[in-house]
Amino acid sequence: MAEEFSVVGLNTHVVIELIDPSDESECLEFDIVPDSQADFYSGLLGVSTPLAIAISGRKVGEMVYYEAGEIQRVKVLSIDPSSSLAMDDAAARRKAAVEQAVKQVQRTNALIFATSVEGKWGDYDADGMIENWD
């Protein structure tokens, strides 16, 4: 492990153990990234989230009291450098998903308009709109 990754911080890949009051545990791993690149479901945790703040600066083996739901403590199991490629891919995937959602909303709004309005130049062809939509 490189010296600069001996503690949890930005651009580190971290494996932690989430521990509940009955000492049952579950492992979780993620990269700590700038908030603008965060995507928890893709394993990218924003640097200013409560969990990232709680473990920031900790070393492997350290235990932190952290209460969230049933979780009472967190133990740092490993720290490695994160993959910047994964971060760039996540940001690109998130941007593409937002663009796709915007297109879907625009398409839905146009179809709602087409099926509910009789224009002064006649009805809109909703079926034709669906076939010809980019």
Protein backbone atom coordinates (compact mmCIF):
# COMPACT_ATOMS: atom_id res chain seq x y z
CA MET A 1 0.00 0.00 0.00
CA ALA A 2 1.39 3.40 -0.95
CA GLU A 3 2.16 5.89 1.82
CA GLU A 4 -0.41 8.41 0.57
CA PHE A 5 -3.19 5.80 0.92
CA SER A 6 -2.45 4.77 4.50
CA VAL A 7 -5.52 6.69 5.69
CA VAL A 8 -9.06 6.99 4.38
CA GLY A 9 -9.59 10.09 2.25
CA LEU A 10 -10.53 11.42 -1.15
CA ASN A 11 -9.71 9.06 -4.04
CA THR A 12 -9.33 5.99 -1.84
CA HIS A 13 -11.03 2.63 -2.24
CA VAL A 14 -12.21 1.52 1.19
CA VAL A 15 -13.58 -1.73 2.56
CA ILE A 16 -15.39 -1.33 5.88
CA GLU A 17 -17.32 -3.51 8.26
CA LEU A 18 -20.69 -2.18 9.45
CA ILE A 19 -21.42 -3.48 12.95
CA ASP A 20 -24.79 -3.47 14.72
CA PRO A 21 -25.47 -3.53 18.50
CA SER A 22 -25.56 -7.35 18.56
CA ASP A 23 -22.10 -7.42 16.92
CA GLU A 24 -23.45 -8.77 13.63
CA SER A 25 -21.59 -7.25 10.71
CA GLU A 26 -21.71 -6.67 7.00
CA CYS A 27 -18.91 -5.58 4.67
CA LEU A 28 -19.26 -2.63 2.34
CA GLU A 29 -16.74 -1.30 -0.16
CA PHE A 30 -16.66 1.93 -2.13
CA ASP A 31 -14.46 4.67 -3.53
CA ILE A 32 -14.52 8.07 -1.83
CA VAL A 33 -14.96 10.65 -4.58
CA PRO A 34 -15.83 14.34 -5.00
CA ASP A 35 -19.53 14.89 -4.31
CA SER A 36 -20.15 15.75 -7.97
CA GLN A 37 -19.11 12.19 -8.94
CA ALA A 38 -20.93 10.37 -6.13
CA ASP A 39 -23.16 7.44 -7.06
CA PHE A 40 -23.63 5.18 -4.06
CA TYR A 41 -25.26 2.39 -6.07
CA SER A 42 -22.16 2.27 -8.27
CA GLY A 43 -19.84 2.17 -5.27
CA LEU A 44 -18.90 5.86 -5.28
CA LEU A 45 -19.41 7.65 -1.94
CA GLY A 46 -19.29 11.45 -1.83
CA VAL A 47 -16.52 12.90 0.33
CA SER A 48 -18.91 15.08 2.37
CA THR A 49 -21.39 12.32 3.26
CA PRO A 50 -21.69 11.49 6.98
CA LEU A 51 -20.06 8.06 6.52
CA ALA A 52 -17.11 9.44 4.56
CA ILE A 53 -16.61 12.16 7.16
CA ALA A 54 -16.77 9.61 9.99
CA ILE A 55 -14.02 7.41 8.53
CA SER A 56 -11.89 10.15 6.98
CA GLY A 57 -8.33 10.10 8.29
CA ARG A 58 -8.73 6.60 9.80
CA LYS A 59 -6.27 3.76 9.28
CA VAL A 60 -6.82 0.06 8.62
CA GLY A 61 -8.08 -1.64 11.76
CA GLU A 62 -9.53 1.50 13.35
CA MET A 63 -13.06 1.35 14.76
CA VAL A 64 -15.35 4.39 14.60
CA TYR A 65 -18.62 4.90 16.43
CA TYR A 66 -21.16 5.72 13.77
CA GLU A 67 -24.89 5.46 14.33
CA ALA A 68 -27.12 5.11 11.29
CA GLY A 69 -30.19 2.88 11.43
CA GLU A 70 -29.10 -0.41 12.96
CA ILE A 71 -25.42 0.38 12.47
CA GLN A 72 -23.52 1.38 15.59
CA ARG A 73 -19.85 1.09 14.63
CA VAL A 74 -17.68 0.98 11.52
CA LYS A 75 -14.32 -0.75 11.23
CA VAL A 76 -11.89 0.07 8.39
CA LEU A 77 -10.71 -3.21 6.82
CA SER A 78 -8.63 -1.99 3.87
CA ILE A 79 -7.58 1.15 2.03
CA ASP A 80 -6.31 1.27 -1.56
CA PRO A 81 -6.08 3.90 -4.30
CA SER A 82 -9.35 4.32 -6.17
CA SER A 83 -9.63 4.02 -9.91
CA SER A 84 -10.08 7.44 -11.51
CA LEU A 85 -11.35 5.67 -14.62
CA ALA A 86 -14.27 4.29 -12.64
CA MET A 87 -15.03 7.79 -11.37
CA ASP A 88 -14.99 9.25 -14.89
CA ASP A 89 -17.18 6.41 -16.15
CA ALA A 90 -19.67 6.94 -13.34
CA ALA A 91 -19.93 10.65 -14.08
CA ALA A 92 -20.44 9.92 -17.78
CA ARG A 93 -23.05 7.25 -17.02
CA ARG A 94 -24.91 9.61 -14.68
CA LYS A 95 -24.87 12.39 -17.31
CA ALA A 96 -26.15 9.99 -19.99
CA ALA A 97 -28.92 8.78 -17.65
CA VAL A 98 -30.03 12.35 -16.97
CA GLU A 99 -30.04 13.18 -20.69
CA GLN A 100 -32.08 10.04 -21.39
CA ALA A 101 -34.57 10.96 -18.65
CA VAL A 102 -34.96 14.48 -20.05
CA LYS A 103 -35.65 13.08 -23.54
CA GLN A 104 -38.21 10.67 -22.10
CA VAL A 105 -39.98 13.50 -20.24
CA GLN A 106 -40.05 15.62 -23.41
CA ARG A 107 -41.43 12.69 -25.41
CA THR A 108 -44.10 11.99 -22.78
CA ASN A 109 -45.13 15.65 -22.62
CA ALA A 110 -45.43 15.81 -26.42
CA LEU A 111 -47.54 12.65 -26.50
CA ILE A 112 -49.82 13.92 -23.73
CA PHE A 113 -50.27 17.14 -25.66
CA ALA A 114 -50.89 15.28 -28.93
CA THR A 115 -53.53 13.00 -27.44
CA SER A 116 -55.38 15.66 -25.47
CA VAL A 117 -55.52 18.71 -27.75
CA GLU A 118 -57.33 19.35 -30.96
CA GLY A 119 -55.38 22.09 -32.66
CA LYS A 120 -56.90 24.68 -34.89
CA TRP A 121 -55.10 22.96 -37.79
CA GLY A 122 -56.44 19.51 -36.88
CA ASP A 123 -55.54 16.61 -34.63
CA TYR A 124 -51.99 15.53 -33.92
CA ASP A 125 -50.93 12.04 -34.97
CA ALA A 126 -49.60 10.56 -31.71
CA ASP A 127 -48.75 7.23 -33.36
CA GLY A 128 -46.73 9.01 -36.04
CA MET A 129 -44.89 10.96 -33.34
CA ILE A 130 -43.82 7.73 -31.63
CA GLU A 131 -42.57 6.17 -34.88
CA ASN A 132 -40.59 9.24 -35.91
CA TRP A 133 -39.15 10.26 -32.53
CA ASP A 134 -35.34 10.31 -32.40
